[in-house]
Amino acid sequence: NAQTMGCPVYYCIGNHDLVKGNYGEELYESIYGPTWYSFDVGNVHYVV
């Protein structure tokens, strides 16, 4: 995470992160947030 690594940390969902629940990404969302988002650094628009 940002504190242990000393820089901003971002995550992306994988096929093995879609686990049992009301829907596959439910657990991921409860810990890591949205499965699509964007952020800017310098002149680059980064999209997850």
All heavy atoms as atom14 arrays in JSON, in Angstrom:
{
  "sequence": "NAQTMGCPVYYCIGNHDLVKGNYGEELYESIYGPTWYSFDVGNVHYVV",
  "atom14_mask": [
    [1, 1, 1, 1, 1, 1, 1, 1, 0, 0, 0, 0, 0, 0],
    [1, 1, 1, 1, 1, 0, 0, 0, 0, 0, 0, 0, 0, 0],
    [1, 1, 1, 1, 1, 1, 1, 1, 1, 0, 0, 0, 0, 0],
    [1, 1, 1, 1, 1, 1, 1, 0, 0, 0, 0, 0, 0, 0],
    [1, 1, 1, 1, 1, 1, 1, 1, 0, 0, 0, 0, 0, 0],
    [1, 1, 1, 1, 0, 0, 0, 0, 0, 0, 0, 0, 0, 0],
    [1, 1, 1, 1, 1, 1, 0, 0, 0, 0, 0, 0, 0, 0],
    [1, 1, 1, 1, 1, 1, 1, 0, 0, 0, 0, 0, 0, 0],
    [1, 1, 1, 1, 1, 1, 1, 0, 0, 0, 0, 0, 0, 0],
    [1, 1, 1, 1, 1, 1, 1, 1, 1, 1, 1, 1, 0, 0],
    [1, 1, 1, 1, 1, 1, 1, 1, 1, 1, 1, 1, 0, 0],
    [1, 1, 1, 1, 1, 1, 0, 0, 0, 0, 0, 0, 0, 0],
    [1, 1, 1, 1, 1, 1, 1, 1, 0, 0, 0, 0, 0, 0],
    [1, 1, 1, 1, 0, 0, 0, 0, 0, 0, 0, 0, 0, 0],
    [1, 1, 1, 1, 1, 1, 1, 1, 0, 0, 0, 0, 0, 0],
    [1, 1, 1, 1, 1, 1, 1, 1, 1, 1, 0, 0, 0, 0],
    [1, 1, 1, 1, 1, 1, 1, 1, 0, 0, 0, 0, 0, 0],
    [1, 1, 1, 1, 1, 1, 1, 1, 0, 0, 0, 0, 0, 0],
    [1, 1, 1, 1, 1, 1, 1, 0, 0, 0, 0, 0, 0, 0],
    [1, 1, 1, 1, 1, 1, 1, 1, 1, 0, 0, 0, 0, 0],
    [1, 1, 1, 1, 0, 0, 0, 0, 0, 0, 0, 0, 0, 0],
    [1, 1, 1, 1, 1, 1, 1, 1, 0, 0, 0, 0, 0, 0],
    [1, 1, 1, 1, 1, 1, 1, 1, 1, 1, 1, 1, 0, 0],
    [1, 1, 1, 1, 0, 0, 0, 0, 0, 0, 0, 0, 0, 0],
    [1, 1, 1, 1, 1, 1, 1, 1, 1, 0, 0, 0, 0, 0],
    [1, 1, 1, 1, 1, 1, 1, 1, 1, 0, 0, 0, 0, 0],
    [1, 1, 1, 1, 1, 1, 1, 1, 0, 0, 0, 0, 0, 0],
    [1, 1, 1, 1, 1, 1, 1, 1, 1, 1, 1, 1, 0, 0],
    [1, 1, 1, 1, 1, 1, 1, 1, 1, 0, 0, 0, 0, 0],
    [1, 1, 1, 1, 1, 1, 0, 0, 0, 0, 0, 0, 0, 0],
    [1, 1, 1, 1, 1, 1, 1, 1, 0, 0, 0, 0, 0, 0],
    [1, 1, 1, 1, 1, 1, 1, 1, 1, 1, 1, 1, 0, 0],
    [1, 1, 1, 1, 0, 0, 0, 0, 0, 0, 0, 0, 0, 0],
    [1, 1, 1, 1, 1, 1, 1, 0, 0, 0, 0, 0, 0, 0],
    [1, 1, 1, 1, 1, 1, 1, 0, 0, 0, 0, 0, 0, 0],
    [1, 1, 1, 1, 1, 1, 1, 1, 1, 1, 1, 1, 1, 1],
    [1, 1, 1, 1, 1, 1, 1, 1, 1, 1, 1, 1, 0, 0],
    [1, 1, 1, 1, 1, 1, 0, 0, 0, 0, 0, 0, 0, 0],
    [1, 1, 1, 1, 1, 1, 1, 1, 1, 1, 1, 0, 0, 0],
    [1, 1, 1, 1, 1, 1, 1, 1, 0, 0, 0, 0, 0, 0],
    [1, 1, 1, 1, 1, 1, 1, 0, 0, 0, 0, 0, 0, 0],
    [1, 1, 1, 1, 0, 0, 0, 0, 0, 0, 0, 0, 0, 0],
    [1, 1, 1, 1, 1, 1, 1, 1, 0, 0, 0, 0, 0, 0],
    [1, 1, 1, 1, 1, 1, 1, 0, 0, 0, 0, 0, 0, 0],
    [1, 1, 1, 1, 1, 1, 1, 1, 1, 1, 0, 0, 0, 0],
    [1, 1, 1, 1, 1, 1, 1, 1, 1, 1, 1, 1, 0, 0],
    [1, 1, 1, 1, 1, 1, 1, 0, 0, 0, 0, 0, 0, 0],
    [1, 1, 1, 1, 1, 1, 1, 0, 0, 0, 0, 0, 0, 0]
  ],
  "atom14_positions": [
    [[0.85, -1.19, 0.0], [0.0, 0.0, 0.0], [0.88, 1.24, 0.0], [2.13, 1.13, 0.04], [-0.96, -0.01, 1.2], [-0.23, -0.11, 2.52], [0.61, 0.73, 2.85], [-0.53, -1.13, 3.31], [0.0, 0.0, 0.0], [0.0, 0.0, 0.0], [0.0, 0.0, 0.0], [0.0, 0.0, 0.0], [0.0, 0.0, 0.0], [0.0, 0.0, 0.0]],
    [[0.28, 2.41, -0.05], [1.04, 3.65, -0.16], [1.99, 3.86, 1.02], [3.1, 4.39, 0.86], [0.08, 4.84, -0.28], [0.0, 0.0, 0.0], [0.0, 0.0, 0.0], [0.0, 0.0, 0.0], [0.0, 0.0, 0.0], [0.0, 0.0, 0.0], [0.0, 0.0, 0.0], [0.0, 0.0, 0.0], [0.0, 0.0, 0.0], [0.0, 0.0, 0.0]],
    [[1.57, 3.44, 2.22], [2.39, 3.63, 3.4], [3.59, 2.68, 3.41], [4.72, 3.09, 3.7], [1.54, 3.41, 4.67], [0.58, 4.55, 4.99], [-0.57, 4.65, 3.99], [-1.15, 3.63, 3.61], [-0.89, 5.86, 3.57], [0.0, 0.0, 0.0], [0.0, 0.0, 0.0], [0.0, 0.0, 0.0], [0.0, 0.0, 0.0], [0.0, 0.0, 0.0]],
    [[3.37, 1.41, 3.07], [4.47, 0.45, 3.11], [5.42, 0.62, 1.94], [6.61, 0.3, 2.05], [3.94, -1.0, 3.1], [3.18, -1.22, 1.9], [3.05, -1.26, 4.31], [0.0, 0.0, 0.0], [0.0, 0.0, 0.0], [0.0, 0.0, 0.0], [0.0, 0.0, 0.0], [0.0, 0.0, 0.0], [0.0, 0.0, 0.0], [0.0, 0.0, 0.0]],
    [[4.93, 1.12, 0.81], [5.75, 1.26, -0.38], [6.36, 2.65, -0.54], [7.3, 2.84, -1.3], [4.93, 0.9, -1.63], [4.58, -0.56, -1.73], [6.02, -1.62, -1.98], [5.76, -2.86, -0.71], [0.0, 0.0, 0.0], [0.0, 0.0, 0.0], [0.0, 0.0, 0.0], [0.0, 0.0, 0.0], [0.0, 0.0, 0.0], [0.0, 0.0, 0.0]],
    [[5.79, 3.63, 0.13], [6.34, 4.98, 0.04], [6.0, 5.7, -1.25], [6.7, 6.64, -1.65], [0.0, 0.0, 0.0], [0.0, 0.0, 0.0], [0.0, 0.0, 0.0], [0.0, 0.0, 0.0], [0.0, 0.0, 0.0], [0.0, 0.0, 0.0], [0.0, 0.0, 0.0], [0.0, 0.0, 0.0], [0.0, 0.0, 0.0], [0.0, 0.0, 0.0]],
    [[4.92, 5.28, -1.93], [4.44, 5.96, -3.14], [2.99, 5.56, -3.34], [2.52, 4.58, -2.76], [5.29, 5.59, -4.36], [5.05, 3.9, -4.96], [0.0, 0.0, 0.0], [0.0, 0.0, 0.0], [0.0, 0.0, 0.0], [0.0, 0.0, 0.0], [0.0, 0.0, 0.0], [0.0, 0.0, 0.0], [0.0, 0.0, 0.0], [0.0, 0.0, 0.0]],
    [[2.23, 6.3, -4.16], [0.85, 5.89, -4.44], [0.8, 4.48, -5.03], [1.65, 4.12, -5.85], [0.37, 6.93, -5.47], [1.23, 8.13, -5.2], [2.57, 7.58, -4.81], [0.0, 0.0, 0.0], [0.0, 0.0, 0.0], [0.0, 0.0, 0.0], [0.0, 0.0, 0.0], [0.0, 0.0, 0.0], [0.0, 0.0, 0.0], [0.0, 0.0, 0.0]],
    [[-0.18, 3.7, -4.6], [-0.34, 2.32, -5.08], [-1.74, 2.14, -5.65], [-2.73, 2.52, -5.02], [-0.11, 1.31, -3.94], [-0.44, -0.11, -4.4], [1.33, 1.37, -3.44], [0.0, 0.0, 0.0], [0.0, 0.0, 0.0], [0.0, 0.0, 0.0], [0.0, 0.0, 0.0], [0.0, 0.0, 0.0], [0.0, 0.0, 0.0], [0.0, 0.0, 0.0]],
    [[-1.81, 1.58, -6.87], [-3.08, 1.33, -7.53], [-3.21, -0.16, -7.83], [-2.23, -0.87, -8.03], [-3.17, 2.12, -8.84], [-3.14, 3.61, -8.64], [-1.96, 4.34, -8.83], [-4.28, 4.3, -8.27], [-1.93, 5.71, -8.64], [-4.27, 5.68, -8.08], [-3.09, 6.38, -8.26], [-3.06, 7.74, -8.07], [0.0, 0.0, 0.0], [0.0, 0.0, 0.0]],
    [[-4.46, -0.62, -7.87], [-4.75, -2.03, -8.13], [-5.72, -2.17, -9.3], [-6.5, -1.26, -9.61], [-5.36, -2.7, -6.9], [-4.37, -3.1, -5.84], [-4.04, -2.23, -4.79], [-3.76, -4.36, -5.87], [-3.13, -2.61, -3.81], [-2.86, -4.74, -4.89], [-2.55, -3.87, -3.87], [-1.65, -4.24, -2.9], [0.0, 0.0, 0.0], [0.0, 0.0, 0.0]],
    [[-5.66, -3.36, -9.91], [-6.52, -3.73, -11.04], [-7.05, -5.13, -10.76], [-6.35, -5.96, -10.18], [-5.67, -3.71, -12.31], [-6.51, -4.08, -13.85], [0.0, 0.0, 0.0], [0.0, 0.0, 0.0], [0.0, 0.0, 0.0], [0.0, 0.0, 0.0], [0.0, 0.0, 0.0], [0.0, 0.0, 0.0], [0.0, 0.0, 0.0], [0.0, 0.0, 0.0]],
    [[-8.28, -5.43, -11.15], [-8.87, -6.73, -10.85], [-8.47, -7.78, -11.89], [-8.42, -7.5, -13.09], [-10.42, -6.63, -10.75], [-11.01, -7.88, -10.1], [-11.05, -6.36, -12.11], [-12.46, -7.71, -9.7], [0.0, 0.0, 0.0], [0.0, 0.0, 0.0], [0.0, 0.0, 0.0], [0.0, 0.0, 0.0], [0.0, 0.0, 0.0], [0.0, 0.0, 0.0]],
    [[-8.16, -9.0, -11.41], [-7.8, -10.1, -12.3], [-8.86, -11.19, -12.33], [-9.82, -11.16, -11.55], [0.0, 0.0, 0.0], [0.0, 0.0, 0.0], [0.0, 0.0, 0.0], [0.0, 0.0, 0.0], [0.0, 0.0, 0.0], [0.0, 0.0, 0.0], [0.0, 0.0, 0.0], [0.0, 0.0, 0.0], [0.0, 0.0, 0.0], [0.0, 0.0, 0.0]],
    [[-8.69, -12.17, -13.19], [-9.69, -13.23, -13.32], [-9.82, -14.05, -12.04], [-10.91, -14.51, -11.69], [-9.38, -14.13, -14.51], [-7.98, -14.71, -14.48], [-7.0, -13.96, -14.56], [-7.86, -16.02, -14.37], [0.0, 0.0, 0.0], [0.0, 0.0, 0.0], [0.0, 0.0, 0.0], [0.0, 0.0, 0.0], [0.0, 0.0, 0.0], [0.0, 0.0, 0.0]],
    [[-8.71, -14.24, -11.3], [-8.77, -14.99, -10.04], [-9.18, -14.11, -8.85], [-9.19, -14.59, -7.71], [-7.43, -15.66, -9.76], [-7.05, -16.72, -10.74], [-7.96, -17.62, -11.24], [-5.86, -17.01, -11.33], [-7.36, -18.43, -12.09], [-6.08, -18.08, -12.17], [0.0, 0.0, 0.0], [0.0, 0.0, 0.0], [0.0, 0.0, 0.0], [0.0, 0.0, 0.0]],
    [[-9.47, -12.84, -9.12], [-9.96, -11.94, -8.08], [-11.49, -11.84, -8.13], [-12.09, -11.13, -7.32], [-9.35, -10.54, -8.24], [-7.83, -10.59, -8.21], [-7.29, -11.42, -7.45], [-7.19, -9.82, -8.96], [0.0, 0.0, 0.0], [0.0, 0.0, 0.0], [0.0, 0.0, 0.0], [0.0, 0.0, 0.0], [0.0, 0.0, 0.0], [0.0, 0.0, 0.0]],
    [[-12.08, -12.52, -9.1], [-13.54, -12.61, -9.19], [-13.96, -13.87, -8.43], [-13.88, -14.98, -8.94], [-13.98, -12.68, -10.65], [-13.76, -11.39, -11.45], [-13.78, -11.65, -12.94], [-14.82, -10.36, -11.07], [0.0, 0.0, 0.0], [0.0, 0.0, 0.0], [0.0, 0.0, 0.0], [0.0, 0.0, 0.0], [0.0, 0.0, 0.0], [0.0, 0.0, 0.0]],
    [[-14.35, -13.66, -7.17], [-14.6, -14.79, -6.27], [-16.08, -14.89, -5.93], [-16.89, -14.04, -6.32], [-13.76, -14.63, -4.98], [-12.28, -14.64, -5.3], [-14.12, -13.35, -4.23], [0.0, 0.0, 0.0], [0.0, 0.0, 0.0], [0.0, 0.0, 0.0], [0.0, 0.0, 0.0], [0.0, 0.0, 0.0], [0.0, 0.0, 0.0], [0.0, 0.0, 0.0]],
    [[-16.45, -15.93, -5.18], [-17.85, -16.16, -4.85], [-18.41, -15.04, -3.99], [-17.74, -14.54, -3.1], [-18.0, -17.5, -4.14], [-17.76, -18.7, -5.04], [-17.98, -20.01, -4.3], [-17.76, -21.2, -5.22], [-17.96, -22.49, -4.51], [0.0, 0.0, 0.0], [0.0, 0.0, 0.0], [0.0, 0.0, 0.0], [0.0, 0.0, 0.0], [0.0, 0.0, 0.0]],
    [[-19.67, -14.68, -4.25], [-20.36, -13.62, -3.54], [-21.64, -13.29, -4.28], [-22.08, -14.06, -5.15], [0.0, 0.0, 0.0], [0.0, 0.0, 0.0], [0.0, 0.0, 0.0], [0.0, 0.0, 0.0], [0.0, 0.0, 0.0], [0.0, 0.0, 0.0], [0.0, 0.0, 0.0], [0.0, 0.0, 0.0], [0.0, 0.0, 0.0], [0.0, 0.0, 0.0]],
    [[-22.23, -12.17, -3.96], [-23.42, -11.74, -4.71], [-23.07, -11.48, -6.17], [-23.91, -11.63, -7.06], [-24.01, -10.48, -4.09], [-24.6, -10.75, -2.71], [-25.27, -11.76, -2.52], [-24.34, -9.86, -1.76], [0.0, 0.0, 0.0], [0.0, 0.0, 0.0], [0.0, 0.0, 0.0], [0.0, 0.0, 0.0], [0.0, 0.0, 0.0], [0.0, 0.0, 0.0]],
    [[-21.82, -11.1, -6.42], [-21.27, -10.95, -7.77], [-19.75, -11.08, -7.64], [-19.19, -10.9, -6.55], [-21.68, -9.61, -8.42], [-21.47, -8.4, -7.54], [-20.26, -7.7, -7.57], [-22.48, -7.95, -6.69], [-20.07, -6.58, -6.77], [-22.28, -6.83, -5.89], [-21.08, -6.16, -5.93], [-20.89, -5.05, -5.15], [0.0, 0.0, 0.0], [0.0, 0.0, 0.0]],
    [[-19.09, -11.38, -8.73], [-17.68, -11.75, -8.68], [-16.75, -10.72, -8.08], [-15.79, -11.07, -7.38], [0.0, 0.0, 0.0], [0.0, 0.0, 0.0], [0.0, 0.0, 0.0], [0.0, 0.0, 0.0], [0.0, 0.0, 0.0], [0.0, 0.0, 0.0], [0.0, 0.0, 0.0], [0.0, 0.0, 0.0], [0.0, 0.0, 0.0], [0.0, 0.0, 0.0]],
    [[-17.01, -9.45, -8.32], [-16.1, -8.4, -7.86], [-16.47, -7.84, -6.48], [-15.86, -6.87, -6.02], [-16.03, -7.26, -8.88], [-17.3, -6.43, -9.05], [-18.26, -6.98, -10.09], [-18.24, -8.2, -10.34], [-19.03, -6.17, -10.64], [0.0, 0.0, 0.0], [0.0, 0.0, 0.0], [0.0, 0.0, 0.0], [0.0, 0.0, 0.0], [0.0, 0.0, 0.0]],
    [[-17.45, -8.44, -5.81], [-17.95, -7.89, -4.54], [-16.84, -7.77, -3.49], [-16.68, -6.72, -2.86], [-19.09, -8.74, -4.01], [-19.71, -8.17, -2.73], [-20.85, -9.03, -2.2], [-20.84, -10.26, -2.43], [-21.75, -8.47, -1.56], [0.0, 0.0, 0.0], [0.0, 0.0, 0.0], [0.0, 0.0, 0.0], [0.0, 0.0, 0.0], [0.0, 0.0, 0.0]],
    [[-16.08, -8.82, -3.27], [-15.02, -8.78, -2.25], [-13.93, -7.8, -2.66], [-13.45, -7.01, -1.82], [-14.42, -10.18, -2.05], [-13.29, -10.26, -1.01], [-13.76, -9.8, 0.37], [-12.72, -11.67, -0.94], [0.0, 0.0, 0.0], [0.0, 0.0, 0.0], [0.0, 0.0, 0.0], [0.0, 0.0, 0.0], [0.0, 0.0, 0.0], [0.0, 0.0, 0.0]],
    [[-13.53, -7.83, -3.93], [-12.52, -6.88, -4.42], [-12.96, -5.44, -4.14], [-12.18, -4.65, -3.62], [-12.29, -7.09, -5.92], [-11.32, -6.1, -6.53], [-9.99, -6.42, -6.68], [-11.75, -4.85, -6.96], [-9.09, -5.51, -7.23], [-10.87, -3.93, -7.51], [-9.53, -4.27, -7.64], [-8.66, -3.37, -8.19], [0.0, 0.0, 0.0], [0.0, 0.0, 0.0]],
    [[-14.18, -5.12, -4.48], [-14.68, -3.75, -4.28], [-14.68, -3.35, -2.81], [-14.4, -2.19, -2.49], [-16.09, -3.62, -4.84], [-16.17, -3.6, -6.36], [-17.58, -3.37, -6.85], [-18.54, -3.58, -6.09], [-17.74, -2.98, -8.03], [0.0, 0.0, 0.0], [0.0, 0.0, 0.0], [0.0, 0.0, 0.0], [0.0, 0.0, 0.0], [0.0, 0.0, 0.0]],
    [[-14.98, -4.29, -1.92], [-15.04, -3.97, -0.49], [-13.67, -3.61, 0.08], [-13.58, -2.95, 1.12], [-15.64, -5.14, 0.29], [-14.74, -6.24, 0.33], [0.0, 0.0, 0.0], [0.0, 0.0, 0.0], [0.0, 0.0, 0.0], [0.0, 0.0, 0.0], [0.0, 0.0, 0.0], [0.0, 0.0, 0.0], [0.0, 0.0, 0.0], [0.0, 0.0, 0.0]],
    [[-12.61, -4.02, -0.62], [-11.25, -3.77, -0.13], [-10.51, -2.76, -0.99], [-9.84, -1.86, -0.47], [-10.44, -5.09, -0.1], [-11.14, -6.11, 0.8], [-9.01, -4.84, 0.38], [-10.55, -7.51, 0.72], [0.0, 0.0, 0.0], [0.0, 0.0, 0.0], [0.0, 0.0, 0.0], [0.0, 0.0, 0.0], [0.0, 0.0, 0.0], [0.0, 0.0, 0.0]],
    [[-10.64, -2.87, -2.32], [-9.83, -2.08, -3.24], [-10.6, -1.0, -3.99], [-10.0, -0.2, -4.69], [-9.15, -3.01, -4.26], [-8.25, -4.03, -3.6], [-8.74, -5.29, -3.24], [-6.93, -3.73, -3.32], [-7.93, -6.22, -2.62], [-6.1, -4.66, -2.71], [-6.61, -5.91, -2.34], [-5.8, -6.82, -1.73], [0.0, 0.0, 0.0], [0.0, 0.0, 0.0]],
    [[-11.93, -0.99, -3.87], [-12.72, 0.06, -4.49], [-13.15, -0.25, -5.91], [-13.3, -1.43, -6.29], [0.0, 0.0, 0.0], [0.0, 0.0, 0.0], [0.0, 0.0, 0.0], [0.0, 0.0, 0.0], [0.0, 0.0, 0.0], [0.0, 0.0, 0.0], [0.0, 0.0, 0.0], [0.0, 0.0, 0.0], [0.0, 0.0, 0.0], [0.0, 0.0, 0.0]],
    [[-13.35, 0.76, -6.73], [-13.9, 0.57, -8.08], [-12.96, -0.24, -8.97], [-11.74, -0.2, -8.83], [-14.07, 2.0, -8.61], [-13.11, 2.82, -7.8], [-13.07, 2.18, -6.44], [0.0, 0.0, 0.0], [0.0, 0.0, 0.0], [0.0, 0.0, 0.0], [0.0, 0.0, 0.0], [0.0, 0.0, 0.0], [0.0, 0.0, 0.0], [0.0, 0.0, 0.0]],
    [[-13.55, -0.96, -9.91], [-12.76, -1.78, -10.84], [-12.37, -1.01, -12.09], [-11.6, -1.52, -12.91], [-13.52, -3.06, -11.23], [-14.77, -2.7, -11.81], [-13.75, -3.95, -10.01], [0.0, 0.0, 0.0], [0.0, 0.0, 0.0], [0.0, 0.0, 0.0], [0.0, 0.0, 0.0], [0.0, 0.0, 0.0], [0.0, 0.0, 0.0], [0.0, 0.0, 0.0]],
    [[-12.93, 0.18, -12.28], [-12.44, 1.07, -13.35], [-12.35, 2.49, -12.83], [-13.22, 2.97, -12.11], [-13.29, 0.98, -14.62], [-14.75, 1.3, -14.51], [-15.32, 2.53, -14.5], [-15.84, 0.36, -14.44], [-16.69, 2.44, -14.44], [-17.03, 1.11, -14.39], [-15.91, -1.03, -14.42], [-18.29, 0.51, -14.32], [-17.16, -1.63, -14.34], [-18.32, -0.86, -14.29]],
    [[-11.25, 3.14, -13.2], [-10.99, 4.5, -12.72], [-9.8, 5.06, -13.49], [-9.18, 4.33, -14.3], [-10.71, 4.51, -11.21], [-9.55, 3.66, -10.78], [-8.25, 4.18, -10.67], [-9.72, 2.31, -10.46], [-7.18, 3.39, -10.27], [-8.67, 1.51, -10.06], [-7.39, 2.06, -9.96], [-6.34, 1.27, -9.57], [0.0, 0.0, 0.0], [0.0, 0.0, 0.0]],
    [[-9.45, 6.3, -13.26], [-8.31, 6.91, -13.94], [-7.58, 7.84, -13.0], [-8.1, 8.25, -11.96], [-8.78, 7.66, -15.2], [-9.67, 8.72, -14.87], [0.0, 0.0, 0.0], [0.0, 0.0, 0.0], [0.0, 0.0, 0.0], [0.0, 0.0, 0.0], [0.0, 0.0, 0.0], [0.0, 0.0, 0.0], [0.0, 0.0, 0.0], [0.0, 0.0, 0.0]],
    [[-6.35, 8.2, -13.37], [-5.56, 9.17, -12.62], [-4.53, 9.78, -13.57], [-4.18, 9.19, -14.6], [-4.87, 8.53, -11.41], [-3.97, 7.37, -11.72], [-2.6, 7.56, -11.9], [-4.48, 6.09, -11.85], [-1.76, 6.48, -12.19], [-3.65, 5.0, -12.13], [-2.28, 5.2, -12.31], [0.0, 0.0, 0.0], [0.0, 0.0, 0.0], [0.0, 0.0, 0.0]],
    [[-4.06, 10.97, -13.25], [-3.11, 11.69, -14.11], [-1.77, 11.86, -13.41], [-1.71, 12.15, -12.21], [-3.65, 13.08, -14.46], [-4.84, 13.04, -15.41], [-5.09, 11.97, -16.01], [-5.53, 14.07, -15.54], [0.0, 0.0, 0.0], [0.0, 0.0, 0.0], [0.0, 0.0, 0.0], [0.0, 0.0, 0.0], [0.0, 0.0, 0.0], [0.0, 0.0, 0.0]],
    [[-0.71, 11.67, -14.17], [0.65, 11.96, -13.71], [1.37, 12.64, -14.87], [1.35, 12.13, -16.0], [1.42, 10.7, -13.3], [2.85, 11.05, -12.89], [0.71, 9.97, -12.15], [0.0, 0.0, 0.0], [0.0, 0.0, 0.0], [0.0, 0.0, 0.0], [0.0, 0.0, 0.0], [0.0, 0.0, 0.0], [0.0, 0.0, 0.0], [0.0, 0.0, 0.0]],
    [[2.01, 13.78, -14.6], [2.65, 14.52, -15.68], [1.65, 14.85, -16.76], [0.57, 15.39, -16.48], [0.0, 0.0, 0.0], [0.0, 0.0, 0.0], [0.0, 0.0, 0.0], [0.0, 0.0, 0.0], [0.0, 0.0, 0.0], [0.0, 0.0, 0.0], [0.0, 0.0, 0.0], [0.0, 0.0, 0.0], [0.0, 0.0, 0.0], [0.0, 0.0, 0.0]],
    [[1.96, 14.48, -17.99], [1.04, 14.73, -19.11], [0.35, 13.44, -19.56], [-0.17, 13.36, -20.66], [1.81, 15.34, -20.3], [0.88, 15.88, -21.36], [-0.06, 16.62, -21.08], [1.12, 15.49, -22.62], [0.0, 0.0, 0.0], [0.0, 0.0, 0.0], [0.0, 0.0, 0.0], [0.0, 0.0, 0.0], [0.0, 0.0, 0.0], [0.0, 0.0, 0.0]],
    [[0.34, 12.43, -18.7], [-0.25, 11.14, -19.06], [-1.53, 10.9, -18.28], [-1.59, 11.1, -17.06], [0.74, 9.98, -18.81], [0.12, 8.66, -19.24], [2.05, 10.22, -19.55], [0.0, 0.0, 0.0], [0.0, 0.0, 0.0], [0.0, 0.0, 0.0], [0.0, 0.0, 0.0], [0.0, 0.0, 0.0], [0.0, 0.0, 0.0], [0.0, 0.0, 0.0]],
    [[-2.55, 10.45, -19.0], [-3.82, 10.03, -18.42], [-3.78, 8.52, -18.32], [-3.74, 7.81, -19.34], [-4.98, 10.49, -19.3], [-6.34, 10.24, -18.72], [-6.74, 10.76, -17.53], [-7.39, 9.51, -19.2], [-7.99, 10.38, -17.28], [-8.4, 9.62, -18.28], [0.0, 0.0, 0.0], [0.0, 0.0, 0.0], [0.0, 0.0, 0.0], [0.0, 0.0, 0.0]],
    [[-3.72, 7.99, -17.1], [-3.67, 6.56, -16.87], [-5.07, 6.03, -16.58], [-5.79, 6.59, -15.75], [-2.75, 6.24, -15.69], [-1.28, 6.53, -15.96], [-0.69, 7.72, -15.52], [-0.49, 5.62, -16.65], [0.65, 7.98, -15.76], [0.85, 5.87, -16.9], [1.42, 7.06, -16.45], [2.75, 7.32, -16.7], [0.0, 0.0, 0.0], [0.0, 0.0, 0.0]],
    [[-5.44, 4.95, -17.26], [-6.79, 4.39, -17.14], [-6.7, 2.92, -16.73], [-6.0, 2.13, -17.38], [-7.57, 4.52, -18.46], [-8.88, 3.75, -18.38], [-7.85, 5.99, -18.76], [0.0, 0.0, 0.0], [0.0, 0.0, 0.0], [0.0, 0.0, 0.0], [0.0, 0.0, 0.0], [0.0, 0.0, 0.0], [0.0, 0.0, 0.0], [0.0, 0.0, 0.0]],
    [[-7.4, 2.56, -15.67], [-7.48, 1.18, -15.2], [-8.83, 0.6, -15.61], [-9.87, 1.21, -15.34], [-7.32, 1.11, -13.67], [-7.54, -0.32, -13.16], [-5.94, 1.62, -13.27], [0.0, 0.0, 0.0], [0.0, 0.0, 0.0], [0.0, 0.0, 0.0], [0.0, 0.0, 0.0], [0.0, 0.0, 0.0], [0.0, 0.0, 0.0], [0.0, 0.0, 0.0]]
  ]
}
